[in-house]
Amino acid sequence: MESPSWQKKRYPGATLAVVTANSPVRLHLSASQDARSAVTAAFNTDAAYLDLGDRCKQVLVGPGSILHAHCPTEQVGVAELAAAARQYARLAVELLAEEEEE
């Protein structure tokens, strides 16, 4: 992969090598999703490497914001943690109910 021109100017001795790549992950969004809307962000997840078959949905969910993840100011409030626990319970019930319907 060719390095962008700005990178060549700023880091003249640097090279860029793509070590791995994967297709976008298709998300399963439900009507019970919180009021906060889903966002698209450039990051990677191990979910793309799991071959779970067509019957198993991959779900990426958690408290906090991906826009602030893995940085010096990363934080999650106590209220968000409590809301996440409730969301995990709802999600488990919903996904298990879908499994029983099939």
N, C-alpha and C. Protein backbone atom coordinates (compact mmCIF):
# COMPACT_ATOMS: atom_id res chain seq x y z
N MET A 1 0.85 -1.18 0.00
CA MET A 1 0.00 0.00 0.00
C MET A 1 0.89 1.23 0.00
N GLU A 2 0.56 2.16 -0.82
CA GLU A 2 1.32 3.40 -0.95
C GLU A 2 0.97 4.35 0.19
N SER A 3 1.99 4.93 0.82
CA SER A 3 1.76 5.89 1.90
C SER A 3 1.20 7.19 1.32
N PRO A 4 0.27 7.85 2.03
CA PRO A 4 -0.26 9.13 1.57
C PRO A 4 0.87 10.17 1.48
N SER A 5 0.70 11.14 0.58
CA SER A 5 1.75 12.14 0.36
C SER A 5 2.07 12.94 1.62
N TRP A 6 1.07 13.27 2.44
CA TRP A 6 1.34 14.03 3.67
C TRP A 6 2.22 13.21 4.60
N GLN A 7 2.03 11.90 4.61
CA GLN A 7 2.83 11.05 5.49
C GLN A 7 4.28 11.01 5.00
N LYS A 8 4.47 10.97 3.70
CA LYS A 8 5.83 10.95 3.15
C LYS A 8 6.58 12.22 3.51
N LYS A 9 5.88 13.35 3.50
CA LYS A 9 6.51 14.63 3.84
C LYS A 9 6.83 14.71 5.33
N ARG A 10 5.90 14.28 6.15
CA ARG A 10 6.07 14.40 7.59
C ARG A 10 7.00 13.34 8.15
N TYR A 11 6.95 12.15 7.59
CA TYR A 11 7.77 11.01 8.05
C TYR A 11 8.47 10.39 6.85
N PRO A 12 9.51 11.05 6.32
CA PRO A 12 10.12 10.61 5.07
C PRO A 12 10.68 9.19 5.10
N GLY A 13 11.10 8.67 6.23
CA GLY A 13 11.66 7.33 6.28
C GLY A 13 10.66 6.24 6.63
N ALA A 14 9.41 6.63 6.87
CA ALA A 14 8.40 5.67 7.32
C ALA A 14 7.81 4.89 6.15
N THR A 15 7.41 3.67 6.43
CA THR A 15 6.68 2.87 5.45
C THR A 15 5.38 2.39 6.10
N LEU A 16 4.45 2.03 5.27
CA LEU A 16 3.14 1.58 5.73
C LEU A 16 2.89 0.20 5.16
N ALA A 17 2.58 -0.75 6.02
CA ALA A 17 2.28 -2.11 5.58
C ALA A 17 0.94 -2.54 6.16
N VAL A 18 0.04 -3.01 5.30
CA VAL A 18 -1.24 -3.54 5.77
C VAL A 18 -0.99 -4.97 6.22
N VAL A 19 -1.18 -5.21 7.51
CA VAL A 19 -0.92 -6.53 8.09
C VAL A 19 -2.16 -7.40 7.98
N THR A 20 -3.31 -6.81 8.22
CA THR A 20 -4.56 -7.55 8.13
C THR A 20 -5.67 -6.58 7.76
N ALA A 21 -6.71 -7.11 7.18
CA ALA A 21 -7.87 -6.31 6.82
C ALA A 21 -9.09 -7.21 6.88
N ASN A 22 -10.23 -6.64 7.17
CA ASN A 22 -11.46 -7.41 7.18
C ASN A 22 -12.61 -6.54 6.68
N SER A 23 -13.64 -7.20 6.23
CA SER A 23 -14.82 -6.51 5.72
C SER A 23 -15.57 -5.85 6.88
N PRO A 24 -16.39 -4.86 6.58
CA PRO A 24 -17.19 -4.24 7.63
C PRO A 24 -18.09 -5.27 8.31
N VAL A 25 -18.36 -5.06 9.59
CA VAL A 25 -19.23 -5.95 10.35
C VAL A 25 -20.66 -5.44 10.22
N ARG A 26 -21.57 -6.32 9.85
CA ARG A 26 -22.98 -5.95 9.76
C ARG A 26 -23.58 -6.00 11.16
N LEU A 27 -24.12 -4.90 11.61
CA LEU A 27 -24.66 -4.81 12.97
C LEU A 27 -26.13 -5.18 12.99
N HIS A 28 -26.55 -5.79 14.08
CA HIS A 28 -27.95 -6.14 14.32
C HIS A 28 -28.53 -5.07 15.24
N LEU A 29 -29.33 -4.18 14.68
CA LEU A 29 -29.94 -3.12 15.47
C LEU A 29 -31.39 -3.48 15.71
N SER A 30 -31.85 -3.25 16.91
CA SER A 30 -33.23 -3.62 17.23
C SER A 30 -34.03 -2.40 17.67
N ALA A 31 -35.33 -2.59 17.73
CA ALA A 31 -36.22 -1.51 18.16
C ALA A 31 -36.00 -1.15 19.62
N SER A 32 -35.40 -2.06 20.38
CA SER A 32 -35.20 -1.77 21.80
C SER A 32 -33.91 -1.00 22.06
N GLN A 33 -33.25 -0.57 21.00
CA GLN A 33 -32.01 0.18 21.15
C GLN A 33 -32.28 1.47 21.92
N ASP A 34 -31.31 1.90 22.70
CA ASP A 34 -31.44 3.13 23.47
C ASP A 34 -31.72 4.33 22.57
N ALA A 35 -32.11 5.43 23.20
CA ALA A 35 -32.41 6.65 22.46
C ALA A 35 -31.19 7.19 21.73
N ARG A 36 -29.99 6.89 22.25
CA ARG A 36 -28.78 7.35 21.59
C ARG A 36 -28.65 6.60 20.26
N SER A 37 -28.46 7.32 19.19
CA SER A 37 -28.41 6.66 17.88
C SER A 37 -27.08 5.96 17.67
N ALA A 38 -27.10 4.96 16.82
CA ALA A 38 -25.88 4.23 16.49
C ALA A 38 -24.98 5.12 15.65
N VAL A 39 -23.68 4.95 15.80
CA VAL A 39 -22.73 5.72 15.01
C VAL A 39 -21.79 4.76 14.30
N THR A 40 -21.23 5.23 13.21
CA THR A 40 -20.21 4.48 12.50
C THR A 40 -18.87 5.09 12.86
N ALA A 41 -17.92 4.27 13.21
CA ALA A 41 -16.59 4.76 13.59
C ALA A 41 -15.54 3.82 13.01
N ALA A 42 -14.38 4.37 12.73
CA ALA A 42 -13.28 3.57 12.18
C ALA A 42 -12.52 2.92 13.33
N PHE A 43 -12.77 1.65 13.56
CA PHE A 43 -12.03 0.89 14.55
C PHE A 43 -12.14 -0.57 14.17
N ASN A 44 -11.42 -1.42 14.83
CA ASN A 44 -11.47 -2.84 14.51
C ASN A 44 -12.00 -3.61 15.71
N THR A 45 -12.54 -4.76 15.44
CA THR A 45 -13.06 -5.64 16.48
C THR A 45 -12.76 -7.08 16.10
N ASP A 46 -12.56 -7.91 17.09
CA ASP A 46 -12.34 -9.34 16.84
C ASP A 46 -13.59 -10.02 16.30
N ALA A 47 -14.74 -9.38 16.42
CA ALA A 47 -15.99 -9.99 15.95
C ALA A 47 -15.91 -10.35 14.47
N ALA A 48 -15.17 -9.57 13.71
CA ALA A 48 -15.05 -9.84 12.27
C ALA A 48 -14.33 -11.16 12.00
N TYR A 49 -13.54 -11.63 12.94
CA TYR A 49 -12.78 -12.86 12.74
C TYR A 49 -13.51 -14.10 13.24
N LEU A 50 -14.64 -13.93 13.88
CA LEU A 50 -15.39 -15.06 14.40
C LEU A 50 -16.35 -15.58 13.34
N ASP A 51 -16.26 -16.85 13.02
CA ASP A 51 -17.18 -17.46 12.07
C ASP A 51 -18.31 -18.09 12.87
N LEU A 52 -19.37 -17.34 13.07
CA LEU A 52 -20.46 -17.80 13.91
C LEU A 52 -21.63 -18.35 13.11
N GLY A 53 -21.52 -18.34 11.80
CA GLY A 53 -22.61 -18.83 10.97
C GLY A 53 -23.73 -17.82 10.84
N ASP A 54 -24.70 -18.16 10.01
CA ASP A 54 -25.81 -17.24 9.75
C ASP A 54 -26.78 -17.11 10.91
N ARG A 55 -26.83 -18.09 11.79
CA ARG A 55 -27.83 -18.09 12.86
C ARG A 55 -27.41 -17.24 14.06
N CYS A 56 -26.18 -16.86 14.14
CA CYS A 56 -25.70 -16.14 15.32
C CYS A 56 -25.36 -14.70 14.94
N LYS A 57 -26.00 -13.76 15.60
CA LYS A 57 -25.75 -12.35 15.31
C LYS A 57 -24.59 -11.83 16.16
N GLN A 58 -23.79 -10.97 15.57
CA GLN A 58 -22.71 -10.32 16.30
C GLN A 58 -23.23 -8.98 16.81
N VAL A 59 -23.00 -8.72 18.07
CA VAL A 59 -23.49 -7.49 18.68
C VAL A 59 -22.32 -6.78 19.34
N LEU A 60 -22.12 -5.53 18.98
CA LEU A 60 -21.09 -4.69 19.60
C LEU A 60 -21.82 -3.61 20.39
N VAL A 61 -21.71 -3.67 21.69
CA VAL A 61 -22.47 -2.74 22.52
C VAL A 61 -21.71 -2.51 23.82
N GLY A 62 -21.86 -1.34 24.36
CA GLY A 62 -21.22 -1.08 25.64
C GLY A 62 -21.36 0.38 26.03
N PRO A 63 -21.09 0.66 27.29
CA PRO A 63 -21.21 2.04 27.77
C PRO A 63 -20.07 2.91 27.25
N GLY A 64 -20.28 4.20 27.34
CA GLY A 64 -19.25 5.14 26.88
C GLY A 64 -19.43 5.46 25.41
N SER A 65 -18.51 6.21 24.89
CA SER A 65 -18.55 6.63 23.49
C SER A 65 -17.30 6.15 22.77
N ILE A 66 -17.47 5.59 21.59
CA ILE A 66 -16.32 5.16 20.80
C ILE A 66 -15.47 6.38 20.42
N LEU A 67 -16.08 7.54 20.43
CA LEU A 67 -15.34 8.75 20.09
C LEU A 67 -14.33 9.12 21.18
N HIS A 68 -14.50 8.55 22.38
CA HIS A 68 -13.57 8.83 23.47
C HIS A 68 -12.86 7.58 23.97
N ALA A 69 -12.99 6.49 23.25
CA ALA A 69 -12.42 5.22 23.70
C ALA A 69 -10.90 5.20 23.52
N HIS A 70 -10.24 4.54 24.45
CA HIS A 70 -8.80 4.28 24.37
C HIS A 70 -7.97 5.55 24.20
N CYS A 71 -8.29 6.56 24.98
CA CYS A 71 -7.54 7.81 24.95
C CYS A 71 -7.34 8.27 26.40
N PRO A 72 -6.49 9.26 26.62
CA PRO A 72 -6.20 9.70 27.99
C PRO A 72 -7.43 10.17 28.77
N THR A 73 -8.46 10.64 28.09
CA THR A 73 -9.65 11.13 28.78
C THR A 73 -10.82 10.14 28.75
N GLU A 74 -10.52 8.88 28.44
CA GLU A 74 -11.59 7.88 28.40
C GLU A 74 -12.26 7.78 29.76
N GLN A 75 -13.59 7.73 29.76
CA GLN A 75 -14.33 7.64 31.01
C GLN A 75 -15.72 7.08 30.75
N VAL A 76 -16.28 6.44 31.75
CA VAL A 76 -17.65 5.94 31.70
C VAL A 76 -18.28 6.26 33.04
N GLY A 77 -19.40 6.94 33.00
CA GLY A 77 -20.09 7.31 34.24
C GLY A 77 -20.80 6.13 34.88
N VAL A 78 -21.02 6.24 36.18
CA VAL A 78 -21.70 5.18 36.94
C VAL A 78 -23.10 4.94 36.38
N ALA A 79 -23.81 6.01 36.05
CA ALA A 79 -25.16 5.86 35.49
C ALA A 79 -25.13 5.11 34.16
N GLU A 80 -24.09 5.37 33.35
CA GLU A 80 -23.96 4.65 32.07
C GLU A 80 -23.69 3.17 32.30
N LEU A 81 -22.89 2.85 33.32
CA LEU A 81 -22.63 1.44 33.64
C LEU A 81 -23.91 0.73 34.06
N ALA A 82 -24.72 1.40 34.88
CA ALA A 82 -25.99 0.81 35.31
C ALA A 82 -26.93 0.62 34.12
N ALA A 83 -26.99 1.62 33.25
CA ALA A 83 -27.83 1.51 32.05
C ALA A 83 -27.34 0.38 31.15
N ALA A 84 -26.03 0.21 31.06
CA ALA A 84 -25.47 -0.86 30.23
C ALA A 84 -25.87 -2.23 30.78
N ALA A 85 -25.85 -2.39 32.09
CA ALA A 85 -26.26 -3.66 32.69
C ALA A 85 -27.71 -3.98 32.33
N ARG A 86 -28.58 -2.97 32.39
CA ARG A 86 -29.99 -3.18 32.01
C ARG A 86 -30.09 -3.52 30.52
N GLN A 87 -29.30 -2.84 29.70
CA GLN A 87 -29.32 -3.10 28.26
C GLN A 87 -28.84 -4.51 27.96
N TYR A 88 -27.79 -4.97 28.65
CA TYR A 88 -27.30 -6.34 28.44
C TYR A 88 -28.39 -7.35 28.77
N ALA A 89 -29.13 -7.12 29.84
CA ALA A 89 -30.21 -8.03 30.22
C ALA A 89 -31.30 -8.05 29.16
N ARG A 90 -31.73 -6.86 28.69
CA ARG A 90 -32.75 -6.79 27.64
C ARG A 90 -32.27 -7.48 26.38
N LEU A 91 -31.02 -7.25 26.02
CA LEU A 91 -30.46 -7.83 24.81
C LEU A 91 -30.42 -9.36 24.89
N ALA A 92 -30.02 -9.88 26.03
CA ALA A 92 -29.98 -11.33 26.22
C ALA A 92 -31.38 -11.92 26.07
N VAL A 93 -32.37 -11.31 26.71
CA VAL A 93 -33.74 -11.80 26.62
C VAL A 93 -34.23 -11.74 25.17
N GLU A 94 -33.97 -10.63 24.49
CA GLU A 94 -34.42 -10.46 23.11
C GLU A 94 -33.77 -11.48 22.18
N LEU A 95 -32.47 -11.65 22.27
CA LEU A 95 -31.78 -12.58 21.38
C LEU A 95 -32.14 -14.02 21.68
N LEU A 96 -32.31 -14.35 22.94
CA LEU A 96 -32.71 -15.72 23.29
C LEU A 96 -34.14 -16.00 22.84
N ALA A 97 -35.02 -14.99 22.88
CA ALA A 97 -36.39 -15.16 22.40
C ALA A 97 -36.39 -15.41 20.90
N GLU A 98 -35.54 -14.70 20.15
CA GLU A 98 -35.43 -14.92 18.71
C GLU A 98 -34.97 -16.34 18.43
N GLU A 99 -34.04 -16.84 19.23
CA GLU A 99 -33.52 -18.19 19.07
C GLU A 99 -34.64 -19.22 19.25
N GLU A 100 -35.52 -19.01 20.23
CA GLU A 100 -36.62 -19.93 20.48
C GLU A 100 -37.64 -19.91 19.36
N GLU A 101 -37.84 -18.74 18.72
CA GLU A 101 -38.81 -18.61 17.64
C GLU A 101 -38.38 -19.36 16.39
N GLU A 102 -37.10 -19.53 16.19
CA GLU A 102 -36.59 -20.15 14.95
C GLU A 102 -36.76 -21.63 14.95
